[in-house]
Amino acid sequence: MNKYLFENDYSTDSLRWMRFIEEKRFKENALTKKEIDYNLEDFDSIQDEITQNKDSAFAYFFAAQFAYKSYKMQKIILEQKDAK
């Protein structure tokens, strides 16, 4: 029997993203219309970190979840895209 509950449900990138968000202590409310007061300076620093690491998975998750300056994240995703 598998001792990990979510092992087959999530990719390693999505698990890394969830851990990252928990460490940053962001409230994850992507499906609600309720306004959440985020610090935009934190978003800028996260985007800078993602850009520095050229992490296309984090760029995708950030753009999908927060929709803040998504053009920066799109650039990273397109630059890291495989031609397969």
N, C-alpha and C. Protein backbone atom coordinates (compact mmCIF):
# COMPACT_ATOMS: atom_id res chain seq x y z
N MET A 1 0.84 -1.18 0.00
CA MET A 1 0.00 0.00 0.00
C MET A 1 0.88 1.25 0.00
N ASN A 2 0.45 2.23 -0.74
CA ASN A 2 1.20 3.47 -0.85
C ASN A 2 1.03 4.30 0.41
N LYS A 3 2.14 4.74 1.01
CA LYS A 3 2.04 5.52 2.25
C LYS A 3 1.92 7.02 1.98
N TYR A 4 2.07 7.45 0.73
CA TYR A 4 1.93 8.86 0.38
C TYR A 4 0.57 9.09 -0.25
N LEU A 5 -0.21 9.93 0.36
CA LEU A 5 -1.58 10.15 -0.08
C LEU A 5 -1.66 10.80 -1.46
N PHE A 6 -0.79 11.78 -1.73
CA PHE A 6 -0.91 12.55 -2.97
C PHE A 6 0.16 12.20 -4.00
N GLU A 7 0.83 11.12 -3.83
CA GLU A 7 1.96 10.81 -4.69
C GLU A 7 1.57 10.76 -6.17
N ASN A 8 0.48 10.12 -6.49
CA ASN A 8 0.10 9.97 -7.89
C ASN A 8 -0.74 11.12 -8.42
N ASP A 9 -1.22 11.99 -7.54
CA ASP A 9 -2.11 13.05 -7.96
C ASP A 9 -1.39 14.32 -8.40
N TYR A 10 -0.20 14.55 -7.91
CA TYR A 10 0.51 15.80 -8.18
C TYR A 10 1.88 15.53 -8.77
N SER A 11 2.31 16.41 -9.65
CA SER A 11 3.66 16.31 -10.18
C SER A 11 4.63 16.88 -9.16
N THR A 12 5.90 16.62 -9.37
CA THR A 12 6.90 17.15 -8.43
C THR A 12 6.92 18.67 -8.48
N ASP A 13 6.68 19.25 -9.66
CA ASP A 13 6.67 20.70 -9.76
C ASP A 13 5.52 21.32 -8.98
N SER A 14 4.35 20.71 -9.04
CA SER A 14 3.22 21.26 -8.30
C SER A 14 3.42 21.10 -6.79
N LEU A 15 4.04 20.01 -6.38
CA LEU A 15 4.34 19.84 -4.96
C LEU A 15 5.37 20.87 -4.49
N ARG A 16 6.37 21.14 -5.33
CA ARG A 16 7.36 22.17 -5.00
C ARG A 16 6.68 23.53 -4.87
N TRP A 17 5.74 23.82 -5.78
CA TRP A 17 5.02 25.09 -5.76
C TRP A 17 4.19 25.22 -4.48
N MET A 18 3.49 24.16 -4.10
CA MET A 18 2.67 24.21 -2.89
C MET A 18 3.53 24.45 -1.66
N ARG A 19 4.69 23.78 -1.59
CA ARG A 19 5.60 24.00 -0.47
C ARG A 19 6.11 25.44 -0.46
N PHE A 20 6.43 25.95 -1.64
CA PHE A 20 6.95 27.31 -1.77
C PHE A 20 5.92 28.33 -1.28
N ILE A 21 4.67 28.15 -1.68
CA ILE A 21 3.60 29.06 -1.26
C ILE A 21 3.38 28.96 0.25
N GLU A 22 3.45 27.76 0.79
CA GLU A 22 3.30 27.60 2.24
C GLU A 22 4.43 28.31 2.99
N GLU A 23 5.65 28.22 2.47
CA GLU A 23 6.78 28.88 3.11
C GLU A 23 6.61 30.40 3.07
N LYS A 24 6.07 30.91 1.98
CA LYS A 24 5.84 32.36 1.85
C LYS A 24 4.60 32.80 2.60
N ARG A 25 3.81 31.84 3.03
CA ARG A 25 2.59 32.07 3.81
C ARG A 25 1.53 32.88 3.05
N PHE A 26 1.40 32.57 1.77
CA PHE A 26 0.33 33.18 0.97
C PHE A 26 -0.93 32.38 1.14
N LYS A 27 -2.04 33.08 1.19
CA LYS A 27 -3.33 32.41 1.22
C LYS A 27 -3.66 32.01 -0.20
N GLU A 28 -4.02 30.77 -0.38
CA GLU A 28 -4.31 30.27 -1.71
C GLU A 28 -5.83 30.28 -1.91
N ASN A 29 -6.29 31.24 -2.68
CA ASN A 29 -7.72 31.39 -2.90
C ASN A 29 -7.99 31.69 -4.36
N ALA A 30 -7.58 30.84 -5.23
CA ALA A 30 -7.69 31.10 -6.66
C ALA A 30 -9.13 31.08 -7.16
N LEU A 31 -10.01 30.37 -6.48
CA LEU A 31 -11.37 30.20 -6.98
C LEU A 31 -12.39 31.12 -6.30
N THR A 32 -11.94 32.04 -5.52
CA THR A 32 -12.88 32.93 -4.84
C THR A 32 -12.83 34.32 -5.45
N LYS A 33 -13.93 35.04 -5.35
CA LYS A 33 -13.97 36.42 -5.83
C LYS A 33 -13.63 37.39 -4.71
N LYS A 34 -13.44 36.87 -3.51
CA LYS A 34 -13.11 37.71 -2.37
C LYS A 34 -11.73 38.33 -2.56
N GLU A 35 -11.64 39.62 -2.32
CA GLU A 35 -10.37 40.32 -2.45
C GLU A 35 -9.44 39.92 -1.30
N ILE A 36 -8.23 39.58 -1.63
CA ILE A 36 -7.23 39.25 -0.63
C ILE A 36 -6.14 40.31 -0.74
N ASP A 37 -5.73 40.84 0.37
CA ASP A 37 -4.74 41.91 0.38
C ASP A 37 -3.34 41.32 0.31
N TYR A 38 -2.77 41.31 -0.90
CA TYR A 38 -1.41 40.81 -1.09
C TYR A 38 -0.45 41.98 -1.12
N ASN A 39 0.75 41.75 -0.68
CA ASN A 39 1.79 42.75 -0.77
C ASN A 39 2.45 42.61 -2.14
N LEU A 40 2.31 43.62 -2.98
CA LEU A 40 2.82 43.53 -4.35
C LEU A 40 4.34 43.50 -4.40
N GLU A 41 4.99 44.03 -3.37
CA GLU A 41 6.45 43.95 -3.31
C GLU A 41 6.90 42.50 -3.17
N ASP A 42 6.12 41.71 -2.44
CA ASP A 42 6.43 40.28 -2.32
C ASP A 42 6.28 39.59 -3.68
N PHE A 43 5.25 39.97 -4.42
CA PHE A 43 5.06 39.39 -5.75
C PHE A 43 6.23 39.72 -6.66
N ASP A 44 6.68 40.97 -6.60
CA ASP A 44 7.83 41.37 -7.42
C ASP A 44 9.08 40.57 -7.05
N SER A 45 9.30 40.37 -5.76
CA SER A 45 10.49 39.61 -5.34
C SER A 45 10.39 38.15 -5.76
N ILE A 46 9.18 37.58 -5.69
CA ILE A 46 8.99 36.19 -6.14
C ILE A 46 9.23 36.09 -7.64
N GLN A 47 8.70 37.06 -8.39
CA GLN A 47 8.92 37.03 -9.84
C GLN A 47 10.40 37.19 -10.17
N ASP A 48 11.11 38.02 -9.44
CA ASP A 48 12.54 38.16 -9.66
C ASP A 48 13.27 36.85 -9.38
N GLU A 49 12.86 36.16 -8.33
CA GLU A 49 13.45 34.87 -7.98
C GLU A 49 13.17 33.84 -9.07
N ILE A 50 11.95 33.81 -9.57
CA ILE A 50 11.58 32.87 -10.64
C ILE A 50 12.36 33.19 -11.90
N THR A 51 12.51 34.47 -12.21
CA THR A 51 13.26 34.88 -13.39
C THR A 51 14.72 34.51 -13.26
N GLN A 52 15.28 34.71 -12.09
CA GLN A 52 16.68 34.38 -11.86
C GLN A 52 16.93 32.88 -12.02
N ASN A 53 16.02 32.07 -11.50
CA ASN A 53 16.17 30.61 -11.58
C ASN A 53 15.70 30.04 -12.92
N LYS A 54 15.02 30.86 -13.71
CA LYS A 54 14.45 30.43 -14.99
C LYS A 54 13.60 29.17 -14.82
N ASP A 55 12.76 29.20 -13.80
CA ASP A 55 11.91 28.07 -13.45
C ASP A 55 10.56 28.22 -14.14
N SER A 56 10.39 27.55 -15.26
CA SER A 56 9.15 27.69 -16.04
C SER A 56 7.94 27.11 -15.32
N ALA A 57 8.15 26.09 -14.51
CA ALA A 57 7.03 25.51 -13.77
C ALA A 57 6.49 26.52 -12.75
N PHE A 58 7.38 27.16 -12.00
CA PHE A 58 6.94 28.17 -11.04
C PHE A 58 6.32 29.36 -11.77
N ALA A 59 6.87 29.71 -12.92
CA ALA A 59 6.30 30.81 -13.70
C ALA A 59 4.86 30.50 -14.10
N TYR A 60 4.62 29.27 -14.52
CA TYR A 60 3.27 28.86 -14.90
C TYR A 60 2.33 28.92 -13.70
N PHE A 61 2.74 28.35 -12.58
CA PHE A 61 1.88 28.32 -11.39
C PHE A 61 1.62 29.73 -10.87
N PHE A 62 2.65 30.57 -10.88
CA PHE A 62 2.48 31.95 -10.40
C PHE A 62 1.49 32.70 -11.27
N ALA A 63 1.65 32.59 -12.58
CA ALA A 63 0.75 33.30 -13.51
C ALA A 63 -0.68 32.80 -13.38
N ALA A 64 -0.85 31.52 -13.20
CA ALA A 64 -2.19 30.95 -13.09
C ALA A 64 -2.86 31.30 -11.76
N GLN A 65 -2.09 31.36 -10.71
CA GLN A 65 -2.67 31.57 -9.40
C GLN A 65 -2.87 33.04 -9.05
N PHE A 66 -1.92 33.90 -9.40
CA PHE A 66 -1.98 35.27 -8.94
C PHE A 66 -2.29 36.29 -10.04
N ALA A 67 -2.06 35.98 -11.29
CA ALA A 67 -2.36 36.88 -12.41
C ALA A 67 -1.81 38.29 -12.18
N TYR A 68 -0.58 38.37 -11.77
CA TYR A 68 0.10 39.65 -11.54
C TYR A 68 1.29 39.73 -12.47
N LYS A 69 1.28 40.71 -13.35
CA LYS A 69 2.34 40.89 -14.35
C LYS A 69 2.67 39.56 -15.03
N SER A 70 1.64 38.94 -15.57
CA SER A 70 1.81 37.61 -16.15
C SER A 70 2.70 37.62 -17.39
N TYR A 71 2.87 38.79 -18.03
CA TYR A 71 3.75 38.86 -19.19
C TYR A 71 5.18 38.47 -18.86
N LYS A 72 5.62 38.76 -17.63
CA LYS A 72 6.97 38.36 -17.21
C LYS A 72 7.08 36.84 -17.13
N MET A 73 6.04 36.22 -16.62
CA MET A 73 6.04 34.77 -16.47
C MET A 73 5.90 34.09 -17.84
N GLN A 74 5.12 34.70 -18.74
CA GLN A 74 4.98 34.14 -20.09
C GLN A 74 6.32 34.13 -20.80
N LYS A 75 7.10 35.17 -20.61
CA LYS A 75 8.41 35.25 -21.24
C LYS A 75 9.31 34.10 -20.79
N ILE A 76 9.30 33.81 -19.50
CA ILE A 76 10.13 32.71 -18.98
C ILE A 76 9.66 31.37 -19.53
N ILE A 77 8.35 31.19 -19.56
CA ILE A 77 7.80 29.93 -20.07
C ILE A 77 8.20 29.73 -21.52
N LEU A 78 8.09 30.77 -22.33
CA LEU A 78 8.43 30.65 -23.74
C LEU A 78 9.93 30.46 -23.96
N GLU A 79 10.75 31.09 -23.14
CA GLU A 79 12.20 30.93 -23.27
C GLU A 79 12.64 29.52 -22.90
N GLN A 80 11.98 28.90 -21.96
CA GLN A 80 12.38 27.58 -21.47
C GLN A 80 11.67 26.44 -22.22
N LYS A 81 10.82 26.78 -23.15
CA LYS A 81 10.04 25.79 -23.87
C LYS A 81 10.92 24.89 -24.74
N ASP A 82 10.67 23.59 -24.68
CA ASP A 82 11.38 22.64 -25.54
C ASP A 82 10.78 22.65 -26.93
N ALA A 83 11.58 22.36 -27.90
CA ALA A 83 11.10 22.31 -29.28
C ALA A 83 10.68 20.90 -29.67
N LYS A 84 10.31 20.09 -28.72
CA LYS A 84 9.94 18.70 -28.98
C LYS A 84 8.60 18.61 -29.66
